[in-house]
C-alpha atoms as a PDB file:
ATOM      1  CA  MET A   1     346.211 -74.668 141.827  1.00  0.00           C
ATOM      2  CA  ARG A   2     347.951 -72.021 142.815  1.00  0.00           C
ATOM      3  CA  TRP A   3     347.902 -71.954 146.335  1.00  0.00           C
ATOM      4  CA  GLY A   4     347.955 -76.001 146.041  1.00  0.00           C
ATOM      5  CA  PHE A   5     344.031 -76.107 146.566  1.00  0.00           C
ATOM      6  CA  GLU A   6     342.448 -79.570 144.755  1.00  0.00           C
ATOM      7  CA  PRO A   7     339.737 -78.344 142.815  1.00  0.00           C
ATOM      8  CA  ASP A   8     337.357 -81.064 143.827  1.00  0.00           C
ATOM      9  CA  ALA A   9     338.088 -80.114 147.029  1.00  0.00           C
ATOM     10  CA  PHE A  10     336.970 -76.764 146.978  1.00  0.00           C
ATOM     11  CA  TRP A  11     333.265 -78.572 146.669  1.00  0.00           C
ATOM     12  CA  LYS A  12     333.586 -79.831 149.560  1.00  0.00           C
ATOM     13  CA  GLN A  13     334.620 -76.952 152.092  1.00  0.00           C
ATOM     14  CA  THR A  14     332.230 -74.088 153.860  1.00  0.00           C
ATOM     15  CA  PRO A  15     332.889 -71.309 153.697  1.00  0.00           C
ATOM     16  CA  ALA A  16     334.240 -70.249 156.530  1.00  0.00           C
ATOM     17  CA  SER A  17     336.820 -73.407 156.386  1.00  0.00           C
ATOM     18  CA  PHE A  18     337.756 -72.609 152.737  1.00  0.00           C
ATOM     19  CA  ALA A  19     338.957 -68.911 154.591  1.00  0.00           C
ATOM     20  CA  ALA A  20     340.341 -70.092 157.079  1.00  0.00           C
ATOM     21  CA  ALA A  21     342.454 -71.894 154.763  1.00  0.00           C
ATOM     22  CA  VAL A  22     343.446 -69.746 152.190  1.00  0.00           C
ATOM     23  CA  GLN A  23     343.759 -67.454 155.568  1.00  0.00           C
ATOM     24  CA  GLY A  24     346.504 -70.085 156.713  1.00  0.00           C
ATOM     25  CA  ARG A  25     348.600 -69.435 153.028  1.00  0.00           C
ATOM     26  CA  VAL A  26     348.713 -65.987 153.661  1.00  0.00           C
ATOM     27  CA  GLU A  27     349.467 -65.784 156.666  1.00  0.00           C
ATOM     28  CA  ALA A  28     352.386 -68.993 155.535  1.00  0.00           C
ATOM     29  CA  ALA A  29     353.221 -66.704 152.762  1.00  0.00           C
ATOM     30  CA  GLU A  30     354.482 -63.351 154.908  1.00  0.00           C
ATOM     31  CA  GLU A  31     356.283 -65.387 157.766  1.00  0.00           C
ATOM     32  CA  ALA A  32     358.367 -66.282 154.397  1.00  0.00           C
ATOM     33  CA  ILE A  33     358.314 -62.434 152.702  1.00  0.00           C
ATOM     34  CA  GLU A  34     359.807 -61.313 157.101  1.00  0.00           C
ATOM     35  CA  GLU A  35     362.186 -64.887 157.099  1.00  0.00           C
ATOM     36  CA  SER A  36     363.249 -63.912 153.795  1.00  0.00           C
ATOM     37  CA  TYR A  37     363.866 -60.607 154.614  1.00  0.00           C
ATOM     38  CA  PHE A  38     365.530 -60.520 158.254  1.00  0.00           C
ATOM     39  CA  ASN A  39     368.216 -63.780 156.606  1.00  0.00           C
ATOM     40  CA  ALA A  40     369.638 -60.753 154.524  1.00  0.00           C
ATOM     41  CA  TRP A  41     369.778 -57.831 157.115  1.00  0.00           C
ATOM     42  CA  ALA A  42     371.707 -60.975 159.239  1.00  0.00           C
ATOM     43  CA  THR A  43     373.548 -61.197 156.369  1.00  0.00           C
ATOM     44  CA  GLU A  44     374.439 -58.054 155.395  1.00  0.00           C
ATOM     45  CA  ARG A  45     375.180 -57.744 159.419  1.00  0.00           C
ATOM     46  CA  PHE A  46     377.751 -60.061 159.936  1.00  0.00           C
ATOM     47  CA  ALA A  47     378.901 -59.557 156.452  1.00  0.00           C
ATOM     48  CA  ARG A  48     379.682 -55.993 158.234  1.00  0.00           C
ATOM     49  CA  GLU A  49     380.906 -57.311 160.996  1.00  0.00           C
ATOM     50  CA  LYS A  50     384.667 -57.305 161.441  1.00  0.00           C
ATOM     51  CA  LYS A  51     385.501 -59.863 163.938  1.00  0.00           C
ATOM     52  CA  LEU A  52     382.214 -62.405 165.254  1.00  0.00           C
ATOM     53  CA  LYS A  53     382.020 -62.297 168.302  1.00  0.00           C
ATOM     54  CA  ALA A  54     380.744 -65.815 170.678  1.00  0.00           C
ATOM     55  CA  PHE A  55     377.508 -67.363 168.776  1.00  0.00           C
ATOM     56  CA  GLN A  56     375.628 -66.651 171.948  1.00  0.00           C
ATOM     57  CA  HIS A  57     375.909 -63.441 171.144  1.00  0.00           C
ATOM     58  CA  TYR A  58     374.025 -62.987 168.229  1.00  0.00           C
ATOM     59  CA  ALA A  59     371.823 -65.844 170.068  1.00  0.00           C
ATOM     60  CA  ALA A  60     369.490 -63.376 172.503  1.00  0.00           C
ATOM     61  CA  ASP A  61     368.364 -61.470 170.018  1.00  0.00           C
ATOM     62  CA  LEU A  62     366.589 -64.025 168.623  1.00  0.00           C
ATOM     63  CA  LYS A  63     365.235 -64.710 171.986  1.00  0.00           C
ATOM     64  CA  PRO A  64     361.258 -64.282 172.724  1.00  0.00           C
ATOM     65  CA  LYS A  65     360.582 -61.608 174.630  1.00  0.00           C
ATOM     66  CA  ARG A  66     359.126 -62.316 178.044  1.00  0.00           C
ATOM     67  CA  PRO A  67     355.008 -61.760 177.246  1.00  0.00           C
ATOM     68  CA  LYS A  68     354.555 -57.503 179.190  1.00  0.00           C
ATOM     69  CA  THR A  69     352.408 -57.451 182.479  1.00  0.00           C
ATOM     70  CA  PRO A  70     348.727 -56.157 182.160  1.00  0.00           C
ATOM     71  CA  LYS A  71     350.868 -52.690 184.369  1.00  0.00           C
ATOM     72  CA  GLU A  72     353.062 -52.539 181.653  1.00  0.00           C
ATOM     73  CA  LEU A  73     351.173 -52.192 179.468  1.00  0.00           C
ATOM     74  CA  LEU A  74     348.494 -49.937 181.032  1.00  0.00           C
ATOM     75  CA  THR A  75     351.667 -47.767 181.018  1.00  0.00           C
ATOM     76  CA  MET A  76     352.790 -48.137 177.402  1.00  0.00           C
ATOM     77  CA  PHE A  77     349.171 -47.843 176.192  1.00  0.00           C
ATOM     78  CA  LYS A  78     349.222 -44.175 178.116  1.00  0.00           C
ATOM     79  CA  GLY A  79     352.243 -43.498 176.573  1.00  0.00           C
ATOM     80  CA  PHE A  80     350.540 -43.567 173.567  1.00  0.00           C
ATOM     81  CA  GLY A  81     348.795 -40.551 174.651  1.00  0.00           C
ATOM     82  CA  ASP A  82     344.974 -41.642 174.025  1.00  0.00           C
ATOM     83  CA  LYS A  83     342.146 -42.762 177.044  1.00  0.00           C
ATOM     84  CA  VAL A  84     342.460 -46.258 178.474  1.00  0.00           C
ATOM     85  CA  ARG A  85     339.407 -47.468 179.679  1.00  0.00           C
ATOM     86  CA  ILE A  86     339.053 -50.989 180.773  1.00  0.00           C
ATOM     87  CA  LYS A  87     336.020 -53.182 180.089  1.00  0.00           C
ATOM     88  CA  ARG A  88     337.219 -55.972 181.677  1.00  0.00           C
ATOM     89  CA  ALA A  89     340.255 -57.425 183.086  1.00  0.00           C
ATOM     90  CA  ALA A  90     341.324 -61.360 183.217  1.00  0.00           C
ATOM     91  CA  SER A  91     343.158 -62.013 186.296  1.00  0.00           C
ATOM     92  CA  ALA A  92     346.803 -62.581 185.079  1.00  0.00           C
ATOM     93  CA  PRO A  93     347.626 -66.788 185.117  1.00  0.00           C
ATOM     94  CA  SER A  94     348.894 -68.257 187.998  1.00  0.00           C
ATOM     95  CA  LYS A  95     352.372 -69.659 189.056  1.00  0.00           C
ATOM     96  CA  SER A  96     352.434 -73.392 190.036  1.00  0.00           C
END
């Protein structure tokens, strides 16, 4: 089968487990497309540079950003111009 599932395995699954497996394949395919777009963009970015900088300069763009604090998130959502109603606030994880 195109999605890589064995036909016999299909009949041994629950609808929920099959849906989860399909959703996982869909997400993997979407990530592969995003990676292809990024590679094309990065290739063109480097092709347009007259002189490349050190790798660390470009690698800084790839580092994941730190998670936002609840206060930063609230400020960001308020900036969208809509009312924000918080029903439950979870405590921030302790830094030990």
